[in-house]
Amino acid sequence: MTLHGTSSPPAPPDTEVVLEADGLTKHFAVRRTGRQAMTRAPRVVHAVDDVSLTLRRGRVTALVGESGSGKSTVARLLAQLYPRTGGDIRLLGIRSPCAEAAASARTAGRCR
């Protein structure tokens, strides 16, 4: 059986990279109390470590994980609501400056 007038399959969605993250890292400082305040070693929570992802135009991307796994932190880092501890974010291929590097020369080496 031959069908006349059938259309060709739809073209694949555009694959232009819109947002890209490479090695995204966020550590939060933990307040020291009592005896801990006397130590020199800073305490940090490793909320996000070495996350890389690519968001493409016309594609849907889901970030899934257990409660407390860092999904919201990754979203806030991509939106630049939180300064990142390390990693690189590119929007339409243009590298985003690291907010922490501008705020402190001590952390400048952490941002690529």
C-alpha atoms as a PDB file:
ATOM      1  CA  MET A   1       0.000   0.000   0.000  1.00  0.00           C
ATOM      2  CA  THR A   2       1.330   3.397  -0.958  1.00  0.00           C
ATOM      3  CA  LEU A   3       0.311   6.595   0.786  1.00  0.00           C
ATOM      4  CA  HIS A   4       0.344   9.703  -1.320  1.00  0.00           C
ATOM      5  CA  GLY A   5       0.980  13.132   0.099  1.00  0.00           C
ATOM      6  CA  THR A   6       2.856  11.983   3.185  1.00  0.00           C
ATOM      7  CA  SER A   7       5.251  14.528   4.566  1.00  0.00           C
ATOM      8  CA  SER A   8       8.844  13.931   5.439  1.00  0.00           C
ATOM      9  CA  PRO A   9       9.766  13.447   9.098  1.00  0.00           C
ATOM     10  CA  PRO A  10      10.073  16.675  11.095  1.00  0.00           C
ATOM     11  CA  ALA A  11      13.470  18.295  11.126  1.00  0.00           C
ATOM     12  CA  PRO A  12      15.451  17.808  14.336  1.00  0.00           C
ATOM     13  CA  PRO A  13      15.363  20.770  16.733  1.00  0.00           C
ATOM     14  CA  ASP A  14      18.090  23.347  16.429  1.00  0.00           C
ATOM     15  CA  THR A  15      21.162  22.174  18.340  1.00  0.00           C
ATOM     16  CA  GLU A  16      22.674  25.588  19.080  1.00  0.00           C
ATOM     17  CA  VAL A  17      24.272  25.632  22.536  1.00  0.00           C
ATOM     18  CA  VAL A  18      22.529  28.316  24.597  1.00  0.00           C
ATOM     19  CA  LEU A  19      24.020  27.765  28.052  1.00  0.00           C
ATOM     20  CA  GLU A  20      27.001  25.646  29.023  1.00  0.00           C
ATOM     21  CA  ALA A  21      28.532  24.927  32.427  1.00  0.00           C
ATOM     22  CA  ASP A  22      31.852  23.188  32.913  1.00  0.00           C
ATOM     23  CA  GLY A  23      33.196  22.065  36.292  1.00  0.00           C
ATOM     24  CA  LEU A  24      30.627  24.098  38.217  1.00  0.00           C
ATOM     25  CA  THR A  25      31.403  24.059  41.958  1.00  0.00           C
ATOM     26  CA  LYS A  26      29.825  25.715  44.996  1.00  0.00           C
ATOM     27  CA  HIS A  27      31.050  25.446  48.584  1.00  0.00           C
ATOM     28  CA  PHE A  28      29.266  27.196  51.443  1.00  0.00           C
ATOM     29  CA  ALA A  29      31.205  28.300  54.520  1.00  0.00           C
ATOM     30  CA  VAL A  30      29.985  26.879  57.837  1.00  0.00           C
ATOM     31  CA  ARG A  31      30.001  29.115  60.878  1.00  0.00           C
ATOM     32  CA  ARG A  32      32.388  27.907  63.558  1.00  0.00           C
ATOM     33  CA  THR A  33      31.343  28.033  67.197  1.00  0.00           C
ATOM     34  CA  GLY A  34      33.057  27.288  70.499  1.00  0.00           C
ATOM     35  CA  ARG A  35      36.274  25.308  70.137  1.00  0.00           C
ATOM     36  CA  GLN A  36      35.876  25.158  66.379  1.00  0.00           C
ATOM     37  CA  ALA A  37      36.341  28.940  66.223  1.00  0.00           C
ATOM     38  CA  MET A  38      39.877  28.477  67.535  1.00  0.00           C
ATOM     39  CA  THR A  39      40.979  26.237  64.659  1.00  0.00           C
ATOM     40  CA  ARG A  40      42.396  27.664  61.469  1.00  0.00           C
ATOM     41  CA  ALA A  41      40.878  25.130  59.098  1.00  0.00           C
ATOM     42  CA  PRO A  42      37.769  26.612  57.475  1.00  0.00           C
ATOM     43  CA  ARG A  43      34.733  24.354  57.375  1.00  0.00           C
ATOM     44  CA  VAL A  44      32.728  24.207  54.187  1.00  0.00           C
ATOM     45  CA  VAL A  45      29.780  22.277  52.815  1.00  0.00           C
ATOM     46  CA  HIS A  46      30.395  20.936  49.312  1.00  0.00           C
ATOM     47  CA  ALA A  47      26.967  21.669  47.850  1.00  0.00           C
ATOM     48  CA  VAL A  48      27.932  21.146  44.189  1.00  0.00           C
ATOM     49  CA  ASP A  49      31.172  19.639  42.895  1.00  0.00           C
ATOM     50  CA  ASP A  50      32.309  19.502  39.256  1.00  0.00           C
ATOM     51  CA  VAL A  51      28.934  19.688  37.473  1.00  0.00           C
ATOM     52  CA  SER A  52      29.024  20.019  33.685  1.00  0.00           C
ATOM     53  CA  LEU A  53      25.997  20.391  31.445  1.00  0.00           C
ATOM     54  CA  THR A  54      24.928  21.819  28.106  1.00  0.00           C
ATOM     55  CA  LEU A  55      21.532  23.364  27.361  1.00  0.00           C
ATOM     56  CA  ARG A  56      20.581  23.484  23.672  1.00  0.00           C
ATOM     57  CA  ARG A  57      17.967  25.584  21.909  1.00  0.00           C
ATOM     58  CA  GLY A  58      14.798  23.620  21.210  1.00  0.00           C
ATOM     59  CA  ARG A  59      15.606  20.882  23.728  1.00  0.00           C
ATOM     60  CA  VAL A  60      14.186  20.208  27.184  1.00  0.00           C
ATOM     61  CA  THR A  61      16.655  19.281  29.911  1.00  0.00           C
ATOM     62  CA  ALA A  62      15.683  17.907  33.312  1.00  0.00           C
ATOM     63  CA  LEU A  63      17.872  17.958  36.382  1.00  0.00           C
ATOM     64  CA  VAL A  64      16.770  15.209  38.750  1.00  0.00           C
ATOM     65  CA  GLY A  65      18.089  13.927  42.049  1.00  0.00           C
ATOM     66  CA  GLU A  66      17.331  13.216  45.646  1.00  0.00           C
ATOM     67  CA  SER A  67      16.335  15.875  48.127  1.00  0.00           C
ATOM     68  CA  GLY A  68      19.395  17.875  49.131  1.00  0.00           C
ATOM     69  CA  SER A  69      21.464  16.760  46.133  1.00  0.00           C
ATOM     70  CA  GLY A  70      22.102  20.310  44.871  1.00  0.00           C
ATOM     71  CA  LYS A  71      19.528  20.750  42.090  1.00  0.00           C
ATOM     72  CA  SER A  72      18.368  24.165  43.290  1.00  0.00           C
ATOM     73  CA  THR A  73      21.944  25.258  43.913  1.00  0.00           C
ATOM     74  CA  VAL A  74      22.885  24.357  40.322  1.00  0.00           C
ATOM     75  CA  ALA A  75      19.906  26.368  39.032  1.00  0.00           C
ATOM     76  CA  ARG A  76      20.878  29.354  41.174  1.00  0.00           C
ATOM     77  CA  LEU A  77      24.480  29.126  40.002  1.00  0.00           C
ATOM     78  CA  LEU A  78      23.382  29.059  36.352  1.00  0.00           C
ATOM     79  CA  ALA A  79      21.149  32.090  36.976  1.00  0.00           C
ATOM     80  CA  GLN A  80      24.125  33.713  38.744  1.00  0.00           C
ATOM     81  CA  LEU A  81      22.125  34.234  41.924  1.00  0.00           C
ATOM     82  CA  TYR A  82      24.975  32.605  43.866  1.00  0.00           C
ATOM     83  CA  PRO A  83      28.652  33.292  43.245  1.00  0.00           C
ATOM     84  CA  ARG A  84      30.386  30.096  42.197  1.00  0.00           C
ATOM     85  CA  THR A  85      33.417  28.646  43.926  1.00  0.00           C
ATOM     86  CA  GLY A  86      34.777  27.295  40.667  1.00  0.00           C
ATOM     87  CA  GLY A  87      33.942  26.348  37.134  1.00  0.00           C
ATOM     88  CA  ASP A  88      32.940  28.156  33.990  1.00  0.00           C
ATOM     89  CA  ILE A  89      29.568  29.319  32.632  1.00  0.00           C
ATOM     90  CA  ARG A  90      29.086  30.340  28.991  1.00  0.00           C
ATOM     91  CA  LEU A  91      25.930  32.003  27.676  1.00  0.00           C
ATOM     92  CA  LEU A  92      25.692  31.847  23.875  1.00  0.00           C
ATOM     93  CA  GLY A  93      29.404  31.032  23.841  1.00  0.00           C
ATOM     94  CA  ILE A  94      30.396  34.091  25.868  1.00  0.00           C
ATOM     95  CA  ARG A  95      32.167  33.322  29.119  1.00  0.00           C
ATOM     96  CA  SER A  96      30.490  34.714  32.215  1.00  0.00           C
ATOM     97  CA  PRO A  97      32.772  36.524  34.666  1.00  0.00           C
ATOM     98  CA  CYS A  98      33.196  34.956  38.070  1.00  0.00           C
ATOM     99  CA  ALA A  99      31.527  37.119  40.732  1.00  0.00           C
ATOM    100  CA  GLU A 100      33.725  35.779  43.530  1.00  0.00           C
ATOM    101  CA  ALA A 101      36.919  36.562  41.618  1.00  0.00           C
ATOM    102  CA  ALA A 102      35.884  40.184  41.363  1.00  0.00           C
ATOM    103  CA  ALA A 103      34.927  40.283  45.036  1.00  0.00           C
ATOM    104  CA  SER A 104      38.124  38.786  46.382  1.00  0.00           C
ATOM    105  CA  ALA A 105      41.605  38.246  44.993  1.00  0.00           C
ATOM    106  CA  ARG A 106      41.940  35.254  47.323  1.00  0.00           C
ATOM    107  CA  THR A 107      39.272  33.313  45.418  1.00  0.00           C
ATOM    108  CA  ALA A 108      40.302  34.480  41.940  1.00  0.00           C
ATOM    109  CA  GLY A 109      42.383  31.357  41.386  1.00  0.00           C
ATOM    110  CA  ARG A 110      39.358  29.120  41.875  1.00  0.00           C
ATOM    111  CA  CYS A 111      37.415  30.442  38.882  1.00  0.00           C
ATOM    112  CA  ARG A 112      38.477  29.413  35.412  1.00  0.00           C
END
